[in-house]
Amino acid sequence: MTRVGRAVIVMLAAFALIAISACAAIPSPLPEPSPAAEREPVPLTVFVDDPCGGCGAEGRGCGDCENILRVHGAVKLQLGDSLYDGTFDYSMLNTQRSDLFQRYLGMAEDFGIPDELRNSLPAVFIGADGHGVYLMGEDAISLLEALAERFLAGEDPAALQAELLAGY
């Protein structure tokens, strides 16, 4: 190899080291956080009346609770992956347990549910401490996806609830 050839190889190697060093010094961009990661999970509480009243009184249940499974299926159909991706803090509660029935009555009071609607279970609450929206009855669950999207987008809960109540 000639002297010029060696000089070219040395220069190329030097440029390669400089390029690698420069690239290593450039921080790689961080992935964009998901919308769910940017905020606390929104409470999503579903009350259902299931005569089993057993292990499904809080949580997922044993699988024999027909009403819980049916309502959970409808909620999952509406919300899909957002039900478990951190967007919501989801719980399904059976009002057959007296303490959970009292909890339902307390939330119904906090959210201002009219007395004539309080027996229309299942009841779905998005939000907490009376700040949020609710849906009542089997048919209302079909509105859950659109309502959740609007609530998460920051629409005024009182205006959303007024719109819903106009449909009851």
N, C-alpha and C. Protein backbone atom coordinates (compact mmCIF):
# COMPACT_ATOMS: atom_id res chain seq x y z
N MET A 1 0.86 -1.16 0.00
CA MET A 1 0.00 0.00 0.00
C MET A 1 0.91 1.23 0.00
N THR A 2 0.49 2.23 -0.71
CA THR A 2 1.29 3.44 -0.82
C THR A 2 1.05 4.34 0.35
N ARG A 3 1.94 5.30 0.44
CA ARG A 3 1.84 6.28 1.52
C ARG A 3 0.54 7.08 1.39
N VAL A 4 0.15 7.43 0.22
CA VAL A 4 -1.10 8.18 -0.02
C VAL A 4 -2.30 7.32 0.36
N GLY A 5 -2.26 6.03 0.01
CA GLY A 5 -3.36 5.14 0.36
C GLY A 5 -3.54 5.02 1.86
N ARG A 6 -2.42 4.91 2.59
CA ARG A 6 -2.51 4.85 4.05
C ARG A 6 -3.06 6.14 4.62
N ALA A 7 -2.65 7.26 4.08
CA ALA A 7 -3.13 8.55 4.56
C ALA A 7 -4.63 8.68 4.35
N VAL A 8 -5.12 8.20 3.24
CA VAL A 8 -6.57 8.25 2.96
C VAL A 8 -7.31 7.37 3.95
N ILE A 9 -6.81 6.18 4.23
CA ILE A 9 -7.46 5.27 5.18
C ILE A 9 -7.46 5.89 6.58
N VAL A 10 -6.36 6.49 7.00
CA VAL A 10 -6.28 7.13 8.31
C VAL A 10 -7.27 8.29 8.39
N MET A 11 -7.36 9.07 7.32
CA MET A 11 -8.30 10.20 7.32
C MET A 11 -9.75 9.72 7.37
N LEU A 12 -10.08 8.67 6.62
CA LEU A 12 -11.44 8.13 6.65
C LEU A 12 -11.78 7.58 8.04
N ALA A 13 -10.84 6.92 8.65
CA ALA A 13 -11.05 6.39 10.00
C ALA A 13 -11.28 7.53 10.99
N ALA A 14 -10.51 8.60 10.85
CA ALA A 14 -10.67 9.76 11.74
C ALA A 14 -12.04 10.39 11.55
N PHE A 15 -12.47 10.55 10.28
CA PHE A 15 -13.79 11.12 10.02
C PHE A 15 -14.89 10.22 10.59
N ALA A 16 -14.71 8.91 10.47
CA ALA A 16 -15.69 7.97 11.01
C ALA A 16 -15.79 8.11 12.52
N LEU A 17 -14.65 8.22 13.22
CA LEU A 17 -14.68 8.40 14.67
C LEU A 17 -15.35 9.71 15.07
N ILE A 18 -15.07 10.76 14.33
CA ILE A 18 -15.70 12.06 14.61
C ILE A 18 -17.20 11.96 14.40
N ALA A 19 -17.63 11.31 13.31
CA ALA A 19 -19.06 11.18 13.03
C ALA A 19 -19.76 10.36 14.10
N ILE A 20 -19.13 9.27 14.53
CA ILE A 20 -19.72 8.42 15.57
C ILE A 20 -19.81 9.19 16.88
N SER A 21 -18.77 9.94 17.22
CA SER A 21 -18.79 10.74 18.45
C SER A 21 -19.88 11.79 18.40
N ALA A 22 -20.03 12.41 17.25
CA ALA A 22 -21.06 13.46 17.11
C ALA A 22 -22.44 12.87 17.26
N CYS A 23 -22.65 11.70 16.65
CA CYS A 23 -23.96 11.05 16.74
C CYS A 23 -24.26 10.63 18.17
N ALA A 24 -23.25 10.17 18.88
CA ALA A 24 -23.46 9.72 20.25
C ALA A 24 -23.80 10.89 21.16
N ALA A 25 -23.36 12.10 20.80
CA ALA A 25 -23.62 13.25 21.64
C ALA A 25 -25.01 13.83 21.42
N ILE A 26 -25.67 13.45 20.32
CA ILE A 26 -27.00 13.97 20.04
C ILE A 26 -28.01 13.09 20.78
N PRO A 27 -28.76 13.69 21.68
CA PRO A 27 -29.74 12.86 22.41
C PRO A 27 -30.84 12.39 21.46
N SER A 28 -31.24 11.15 21.63
CA SER A 28 -32.34 10.65 20.81
C SER A 28 -33.63 11.21 21.36
N PRO A 29 -34.60 11.49 20.47
CA PRO A 29 -35.87 12.04 20.96
C PRO A 29 -36.61 11.02 21.81
N LEU A 30 -37.25 11.51 22.86
CA LEU A 30 -38.04 10.63 23.72
C LEU A 30 -39.37 10.36 23.05
N PRO A 31 -39.91 9.19 23.25
CA PRO A 31 -41.23 8.92 22.67
C PRO A 31 -42.27 9.82 23.30
N GLU A 32 -43.25 10.19 22.50
CA GLU A 32 -44.34 11.01 22.99
C GLU A 32 -45.14 10.23 24.03
N PRO A 33 -45.41 10.85 25.20
CA PRO A 33 -46.22 10.13 26.18
C PRO A 33 -47.65 10.00 25.67
N SER A 34 -48.28 8.91 26.03
CA SER A 34 -49.68 8.73 25.65
C SER A 34 -50.53 9.70 26.46
N PRO A 35 -51.70 10.07 25.94
CA PRO A 35 -52.57 10.96 26.70
C PRO A 35 -52.89 10.43 28.09
N ALA A 36 -53.02 9.10 28.22
CA ALA A 36 -53.34 8.52 29.52
C ALA A 36 -52.19 8.71 30.50
N ALA A 37 -50.94 8.75 29.99
CA ALA A 37 -49.78 8.89 30.87
C ALA A 37 -49.62 10.32 31.37
N GLU A 38 -50.27 11.28 30.71
CA GLU A 38 -50.12 12.68 31.07
C GLU A 38 -51.00 13.10 32.23
N ARG A 39 -51.98 12.30 32.59
CA ARG A 39 -52.89 12.68 33.66
C ARG A 39 -53.24 11.48 34.52
N GLU A 40 -53.79 11.79 35.65
CA GLU A 40 -54.25 10.73 36.55
C GLU A 40 -55.41 9.98 35.89
N PRO A 41 -55.53 8.68 36.18
CA PRO A 41 -56.68 7.95 35.64
C PRO A 41 -57.99 8.56 36.14
N VAL A 42 -58.96 8.62 35.26
CA VAL A 42 -60.28 9.16 35.60
C VAL A 42 -61.11 8.04 36.22
N PRO A 43 -61.70 8.28 37.39
CA PRO A 43 -62.55 7.24 37.99
C PRO A 43 -63.72 6.88 37.07
N LEU A 44 -63.89 5.62 36.83
CA LEU A 44 -65.03 5.09 36.08
C LEU A 44 -65.63 4.00 36.95
N THR A 45 -66.76 4.30 37.56
CA THR A 45 -67.39 3.38 38.51
C THR A 45 -68.73 2.94 37.95
N VAL A 46 -68.92 1.63 37.87
CA VAL A 46 -70.16 1.06 37.35
C VAL A 46 -70.82 0.28 38.47
N PHE A 47 -72.07 0.63 38.75
CA PHE A 47 -72.85 -0.11 39.74
C PHE A 47 -73.87 -0.96 38.99
N VAL A 48 -73.96 -2.21 39.38
CA VAL A 48 -74.89 -3.14 38.77
C VAL A 48 -75.58 -3.92 39.88
N ASP A 49 -76.78 -4.36 39.60
CA ASP A 49 -77.51 -5.18 40.56
C ASP A 49 -77.50 -6.60 40.03
N ASP A 50 -76.71 -7.46 40.66
CA ASP A 50 -76.61 -8.84 40.24
C ASP A 50 -76.98 -9.72 41.43
N PRO A 51 -78.01 -10.55 41.28
CA PRO A 51 -78.47 -11.37 42.39
C PRO A 51 -77.42 -12.31 42.97
N CYS A 52 -76.34 -12.58 42.24
CA CYS A 52 -75.33 -13.49 42.80
C CYS A 52 -74.81 -12.93 44.11
N GLY A 53 -74.47 -11.64 44.12
CA GLY A 53 -74.06 -10.98 45.34
C GLY A 53 -72.82 -11.56 46.00
N GLY A 54 -72.19 -12.54 45.37
CA GLY A 54 -71.06 -13.22 45.99
C GLY A 54 -69.74 -12.55 45.68
N CYS A 55 -68.82 -13.35 45.14
CA CYS A 55 -67.46 -12.87 44.94
C CYS A 55 -67.40 -11.70 43.96
N GLY A 56 -68.39 -11.57 43.10
CA GLY A 56 -68.41 -10.47 42.14
C GLY A 56 -68.91 -9.18 42.74
N ALA A 57 -69.08 -9.14 44.05
CA ALA A 57 -69.59 -7.93 44.68
C ALA A 57 -68.60 -6.77 44.53
N GLU A 58 -67.33 -7.08 44.35
CA GLU A 58 -66.35 -6.05 44.03
C GLU A 58 -65.26 -6.71 43.19
N GLY A 59 -64.95 -6.12 42.07
CA GLY A 59 -63.94 -6.70 41.20
C GLY A 59 -64.57 -7.45 40.05
N ARG A 60 -63.82 -8.39 39.51
CA ARG A 60 -64.26 -9.09 38.30
C ARG A 60 -65.22 -10.23 38.59
N GLY A 61 -65.18 -10.83 39.72
CA GLY A 61 -66.11 -11.90 40.04
C GLY A 61 -65.64 -13.26 39.56
N CYS A 62 -66.43 -14.28 39.82
CA CYS A 62 -66.05 -15.67 39.53
C CYS A 62 -66.48 -16.12 38.15
N GLY A 63 -67.31 -15.38 37.48
CA GLY A 63 -67.78 -15.77 36.17
C GLY A 63 -69.22 -16.23 36.16
N ASP A 64 -69.82 -16.41 37.32
CA ASP A 64 -71.21 -16.85 37.38
C ASP A 64 -72.18 -15.67 37.52
N CYS A 65 -71.69 -14.51 37.52
CA CYS A 65 -72.52 -13.32 37.74
C CYS A 65 -72.98 -12.75 36.40
N GLU A 66 -74.13 -13.19 35.94
CA GLU A 66 -74.62 -12.85 34.61
C GLU A 66 -74.71 -11.35 34.36
N ASN A 67 -75.31 -10.61 35.27
CA ASN A 67 -75.48 -9.18 35.05
C ASN A 67 -74.14 -8.45 35.02
N ILE A 68 -73.25 -8.83 35.92
CA ILE A 68 -71.93 -8.20 35.94
C ILE A 68 -71.20 -8.47 34.63
N LEU A 69 -71.22 -9.71 34.17
CA LEU A 69 -70.53 -10.06 32.93
C LEU A 69 -71.14 -9.33 31.73
N ARG A 70 -72.46 -9.26 31.68
CA ARG A 70 -73.14 -8.59 30.57
C ARG A 70 -72.80 -7.11 30.53
N VAL A 71 -72.88 -6.45 31.68
CA VAL A 71 -72.60 -5.01 31.74
C VAL A 71 -71.11 -4.76 31.48
N HIS A 72 -70.24 -5.57 32.06
CA HIS A 72 -68.81 -5.41 31.81
C HIS A 72 -68.51 -5.55 30.31
N GLY A 73 -69.14 -6.53 29.67
CA GLY A 73 -68.96 -6.71 28.22
C GLY A 73 -69.38 -5.49 27.43
N ALA A 74 -70.50 -4.88 27.83
CA ALA A 74 -70.99 -3.68 27.14
C ALA A 74 -70.04 -2.50 27.36
N VAL A 75 -69.53 -2.35 28.59
CA VAL A 75 -68.59 -1.27 28.89
C VAL A 75 -67.30 -1.48 28.09
N LYS A 76 -66.80 -2.70 28.07
CA LYS A 76 -65.56 -3.02 27.33
C LYS A 76 -65.77 -2.78 25.84
N LEU A 77 -66.92 -3.14 25.32
CA LEU A 77 -67.22 -2.90 23.91
C LEU A 77 -67.17 -1.41 23.59
N GLN A 78 -67.67 -0.58 24.49
CA GLN A 78 -67.69 0.86 24.28
C GLN A 78 -66.31 1.49 24.41
N LEU A 79 -65.53 1.07 25.41
CA LEU A 79 -64.28 1.76 25.72
C LEU A 79 -63.02 1.03 25.24
N GLY A 80 -63.13 -0.23 24.89
CA GLY A 80 -62.00 -0.97 24.34
C GLY A 80 -60.78 -0.93 25.25
N ASP A 81 -59.62 -0.72 24.62
CA ASP A 81 -58.35 -0.75 25.36
C ASP A 81 -58.22 0.35 26.40
N SER A 82 -58.94 1.46 26.21
CA SER A 82 -58.82 2.56 27.18
C SER A 82 -59.32 2.16 28.56
N LEU A 83 -60.05 1.06 28.62
CA LEU A 83 -60.54 0.58 29.91
C LEU A 83 -59.38 0.12 30.79
N TYR A 84 -58.28 -0.32 30.18
CA TYR A 84 -57.16 -0.86 30.94
C TYR A 84 -55.82 -0.20 30.66
N ASP A 85 -55.77 0.87 29.88
CA ASP A 85 -54.48 1.48 29.53
C ASP A 85 -54.06 2.61 30.45
N GLY A 86 -54.77 2.81 31.54
CA GLY A 86 -54.43 3.88 32.47
C GLY A 86 -55.29 5.12 32.30
N THR A 87 -56.14 5.14 31.29
CA THR A 87 -57.05 6.27 31.11
C THR A 87 -58.06 6.33 32.24
N PHE A 88 -58.56 5.16 32.62
CA PHE A 88 -59.60 5.07 33.65
C PHE A 88 -59.13 4.23 34.84
N ASP A 89 -59.68 4.57 36.00
CA ASP A 89 -59.58 3.74 37.19
C ASP A 89 -60.95 3.06 37.29
N TYR A 90 -61.05 1.88 36.72
CA TYR A 90 -62.32 1.20 36.49
C TYR A 90 -62.67 0.26 37.62
N SER A 91 -63.92 0.34 38.07
CA SER A 91 -64.41 -0.64 39.03
C SER A 91 -65.87 -0.95 38.73
N MET A 92 -66.22 -2.22 38.92
CA MET A 92 -67.58 -2.73 38.73
C MET A 92 -68.05 -3.18 40.11
N LEU A 93 -69.14 -2.61 40.61
CA LEU A 93 -69.59 -2.88 41.97
C LEU A 93 -71.03 -3.37 41.96
N ASN A 94 -71.29 -4.39 42.78
CA ASN A 94 -72.61 -5.01 42.86
C ASN A 94 -73.38 -4.43 44.05
N THR A 95 -74.50 -3.81 43.76
CA THR A 95 -75.30 -3.18 44.82
C THR A 95 -76.03 -4.19 45.70
N GLN A 96 -75.89 -5.48 45.42
CA GLN A 96 -76.45 -6.49 46.32
C GLN A 96 -75.75 -6.47 47.68
N ARG A 97 -74.50 -6.04 47.69
CA ARG A 97 -73.79 -5.88 48.97
C ARG A 97 -74.23 -4.55 49.56
N SER A 98 -74.66 -4.55 50.79
CA SER A 98 -75.25 -3.35 51.39
C SER A 98 -74.26 -2.18 51.46
N ASP A 99 -72.98 -2.44 51.73
CA ASP A 99 -72.03 -1.34 51.79
C ASP A 99 -71.82 -0.71 50.41
N LEU A 100 -71.89 -1.52 49.36
CA LEU A 100 -71.74 -0.98 48.01
C LEU A 100 -73.02 -0.28 47.56
N PHE A 101 -74.16 -0.75 48.04
CA PHE A 101 -75.41 -0.04 47.77
C PHE A 101 -75.38 1.34 48.42
N GLN A 102 -74.87 1.42 49.64
CA GLN A 102 -74.74 2.72 50.31
C GLN A 102 -73.76 3.63 49.56
N ARG A 103 -72.71 3.03 49.06
CA ARG A 103 -71.75 3.81 48.26
C ARG A 103 -72.43 4.36 46.99
N TYR A 104 -73.25 3.52 46.35
CA TYR A 104 -74.00 3.96 45.18
C TYR A 104 -74.91 5.13 45.54
N LEU A 105 -75.64 5.00 46.64
CA LEU A 105 -76.55 6.08 47.05
C LEU A 105 -75.78 7.37 47.32
N GLY A 106 -74.60 7.26 47.93
CA GLY A 106 -73.78 8.44 48.18
C GLY A 106 -73.32 9.10 46.88
N MET A 107 -72.88 8.28 45.91
CA MET A 107 -72.47 8.85 44.63
C MET A 107 -73.65 9.44 43.88
N ALA A 108 -74.80 8.77 43.97
CA ALA A 108 -76.00 9.31 43.32
C ALA A 108 -76.35 10.68 43.89
N GLU A 109 -76.20 10.82 45.18
CA GLU A 109 -76.45 12.12 45.84
C GLU A 109 -75.42 13.15 45.39
N ASP A 110 -74.12 12.76 45.41
CA ASP A 110 -73.05 13.69 45.01
C ASP A 110 -73.22 14.17 43.58
N PHE A 111 -73.65 13.30 42.69
CA PHE A 111 -73.79 13.64 41.28
C PHE A 111 -75.15 14.25 40.96
N GLY A 112 -76.05 14.30 41.96
CA GLY A 112 -77.34 14.94 41.76
C GLY A 112 -78.30 14.16 40.89
N ILE A 113 -78.26 12.84 40.99
CA ILE A 113 -79.17 12.02 40.19
C ILE A 113 -80.59 12.21 40.71
N PRO A 114 -81.52 12.56 39.83
CA PRO A 114 -82.91 12.72 40.27
C PRO A 114 -83.45 11.41 40.85
N ASP A 115 -84.30 11.53 41.85
CA ASP A 115 -84.85 10.34 42.53
C ASP A 115 -85.49 9.36 41.56
N GLU A 116 -86.18 9.87 40.55
CA GLU A 116 -86.89 8.98 39.63
C GLU A 116 -85.94 8.14 38.76
N LEU A 117 -84.67 8.50 38.70
CA LEU A 117 -83.71 7.73 37.91
C LEU A 117 -82.86 6.78 38.76
N ARG A 118 -82.90 6.91 40.06
CA ARG A 118 -81.97 6.16 40.92
C ARG A 118 -82.18 4.66 40.91
N ASN A 119 -83.32 4.18 40.48
CA ASN A 119 -83.55 2.73 40.42
C ASN A 119 -83.21 2.15 39.06
N SER A 120 -82.67 2.95 38.17
CA SER A 120 -82.36 2.51 36.80
C SER A 120 -80.93 2.02 36.70
N LEU A 121 -80.66 0.86 37.28
CA LEU A 121 -79.32 0.30 37.19
C LEU A 121 -79.19 -0.50 35.90
N PRO A 122 -78.00 -0.57 35.35
CA PRO A 122 -76.72 -0.16 35.87
C PRO A 122 -76.55 1.36 35.84
N ALA A 123 -75.67 1.82 36.72
CA ALA A 123 -75.32 3.24 36.78
C ALA A 123 -73.83 3.36 36.51
N VAL A 124 -73.47 4.28 35.63
CA VAL A 124 -72.07 4.50 35.26
C VAL A 124 -71.70 5.92 35.65
N PHE A 125 -70.63 6.06 36.43
CA PHE A 125 -70.14 7.37 36.86
C PHE A 125 -68.75 7.59 36.26
N ILE A 126 -68.57 8.69 35.58
CA ILE A 126 -67.26 9.10 35.09
C ILE A 126 -66.88 10.33 35.89
N GLY A 127 -65.81 10.24 36.66
CA GLY A 127 -65.40 11.33 37.54
C GLY A 127 -65.62 10.93 38.98
N ALA A 128 -65.43 11.91 39.87
CA ALA A 128 -65.56 11.62 41.31
C ALA A 128 -66.02 12.86 42.04
N ASP A 129 -66.48 12.64 43.26
CA ASP A 129 -66.88 13.72 44.16
C ASP A 129 -67.90 14.66 43.53
N GLY A 130 -68.79 14.10 42.73
CA GLY A 130 -69.82 14.92 42.11
C GLY A 130 -69.34 15.72 40.92
N HIS A 131 -68.06 15.65 40.58
CA HIS A 131 -67.54 16.37 39.41
C HIS A 131 -67.37 15.36 38.29
N GLY A 132 -68.33 15.31 37.41
CA GLY A 132 -68.29 14.36 36.32
C GLY A 132 -69.68 14.17 35.76
N VAL A 133 -69.89 13.03 35.13
CA VAL A 133 -71.17 12.74 34.49
C VAL A 133 -71.59 11.32 34.84
N TYR A 134 -72.87 11.04 34.66
CA TYR A 134 -73.37 9.70 34.93
C TYR A 134 -74.30 9.26 33.82
N LEU A 135 -74.44 7.96 33.70
CA LEU A 135 -75.39 7.33 32.78
C LEU A 135 -76.21 6.35 33.59
N MET A 136 -77.49 6.25 33.27
CA MET A 136 -78.37 5.37 34.02
C MET A 136 -79.10 4.43 33.07
N GLY A 137 -79.14 3.14 33.44
CA GLY A 137 -79.92 2.16 32.71
C GLY A 137 -79.14 1.47 31.59
N GLU A 138 -79.69 0.34 31.15
CA GLU A 138 -79.06 -0.49 30.13
C GLU A 138 -78.80 0.27 28.83
N ASP A 139 -79.78 1.00 28.36
CA ASP A 139 -79.64 1.69 27.08
C ASP A 139 -78.59 2.79 27.10
N ALA A 140 -78.39 3.39 28.25
CA ALA A 140 -77.46 4.50 28.36
C ALA A 140 -76.01 4.09 28.13
N ILE A 141 -75.69 2.82 28.38
CA ILE A 141 -74.30 2.37 28.20
C ILE A 141 -73.86 2.54 26.75
N SER A 142 -74.80 2.50 25.82
CA SER A 142 -74.44 2.69 24.41
C SER A 142 -73.90 4.09 24.15
N LEU A 143 -74.10 5.02 25.07
CA LEU A 143 -73.59 6.39 24.93
C LEU A 143 -72.22 6.58 25.57
N LEU A 144 -71.71 5.53 26.23
CA LEU A 144 -70.51 5.67 27.05
C LEU A 144 -69.28 6.12 26.27
N GLU A 145 -69.03 5.55 25.11
CA GLU A 145 -67.82 5.89 24.36
C GLU A 145 -67.79 7.38 24.00
N ALA A 146 -68.87 7.87 23.42
CA ALA A 146 -68.91 9.29 23.02
C ALA A 146 -68.85 10.20 24.24
N LEU A 147 -69.53 9.82 25.30
CA LEU A 147 -69.52 10.63 26.52
C LEU A 147 -68.12 10.68 27.14
N ALA A 148 -67.46 9.52 27.22
CA ALA A 148 -66.12 9.46 27.80
C ALA A 148 -65.14 10.31 26.98
N GLU A 149 -65.22 10.23 25.66
CA GLU A 149 -64.34 11.04 24.81
C GLU A 149 -64.54 12.52 25.07
N ARG A 150 -65.78 12.95 25.17
CA ARG A 150 -66.06 14.38 25.40
C ARG A 150 -65.62 14.80 26.79
N PHE A 151 -65.83 13.95 27.78
CA PHE A 151 -65.40 14.27 29.15
C PHE A 151 -63.88 14.38 29.21
N LEU A 152 -63.17 13.42 28.60
CA LEU A 152 -61.72 13.44 28.60
C LEU A 152 -61.16 14.62 27.81
N ALA A 153 -61.91 15.10 26.83
CA ALA A 153 -61.48 16.25 26.03
C ALA A 153 -61.67 17.56 26.79
N GLY A 154 -62.30 17.50 27.96
CA GLY A 154 -62.43 18.68 28.80
C GLY A 154 -63.73 19.43 28.67
N GLU A 155 -64.72 18.83 28.02
CA GLU A 155 -66.02 19.51 27.94
C GLU A 155 -66.62 19.64 29.33
N ASP A 156 -67.40 20.67 29.51
CA ASP A 156 -68.02 20.97 30.79
C ASP A 156 -68.95 19.83 31.21
N PRO A 157 -68.67 19.18 32.36
CA PRO A 157 -69.51 18.06 32.79
C PRO A 157 -70.97 18.45 32.99
N ALA A 158 -71.23 19.65 33.49
CA ALA A 158 -72.62 20.08 33.71
C ALA A 158 -73.38 20.18 32.39
N ALA A 159 -72.73 20.71 31.36
CA ALA A 159 -73.37 20.82 30.05
C ALA A 159 -73.60 19.43 29.44
N LEU A 160 -72.62 18.55 29.60
CA LEU A 160 -72.79 17.18 29.10
C LEU A 160 -73.95 16.48 29.80
N GLN A 161 -74.03 16.66 31.13
CA GLN A 161 -75.09 16.00 31.88
C GLN A 161 -76.45 16.56 31.50
N ALA A 162 -76.53 17.86 31.30
CA ALA A 162 -77.80 18.46 30.90
C ALA A 162 -78.25 17.90 29.55
N GLU A 163 -77.30 17.74 28.65
CA GLU A 163 -77.62 17.16 27.34
C GLU A 163 -78.12 15.72 27.49
N LEU A 164 -77.48 14.94 28.37
CA LEU A 164 -77.91 13.58 28.60
C LEU A 164 -79.31 13.52 29.22
N LEU A 165 -79.53 14.36 30.21
CA LEU A 165 -80.82 14.35 30.91
C LEU A 165 -81.97 14.72 29.97
N ALA A 166 -81.68 15.53 28.98
CA ALA A 166 -82.71 15.89 28.01
C ALA A 166 -83.17 14.64 27.24
N GLY A 167 -82.30 13.64 27.16
CA GLY A 167 -82.64 12.41 26.44
C GLY A 167 -83.33 11.37 27.30
N TYR A 168 -83.35 11.53 28.62
CA TYR A 168 -83.98 10.53 29.51
C TYR A 168 -85.47 10.68 29.50
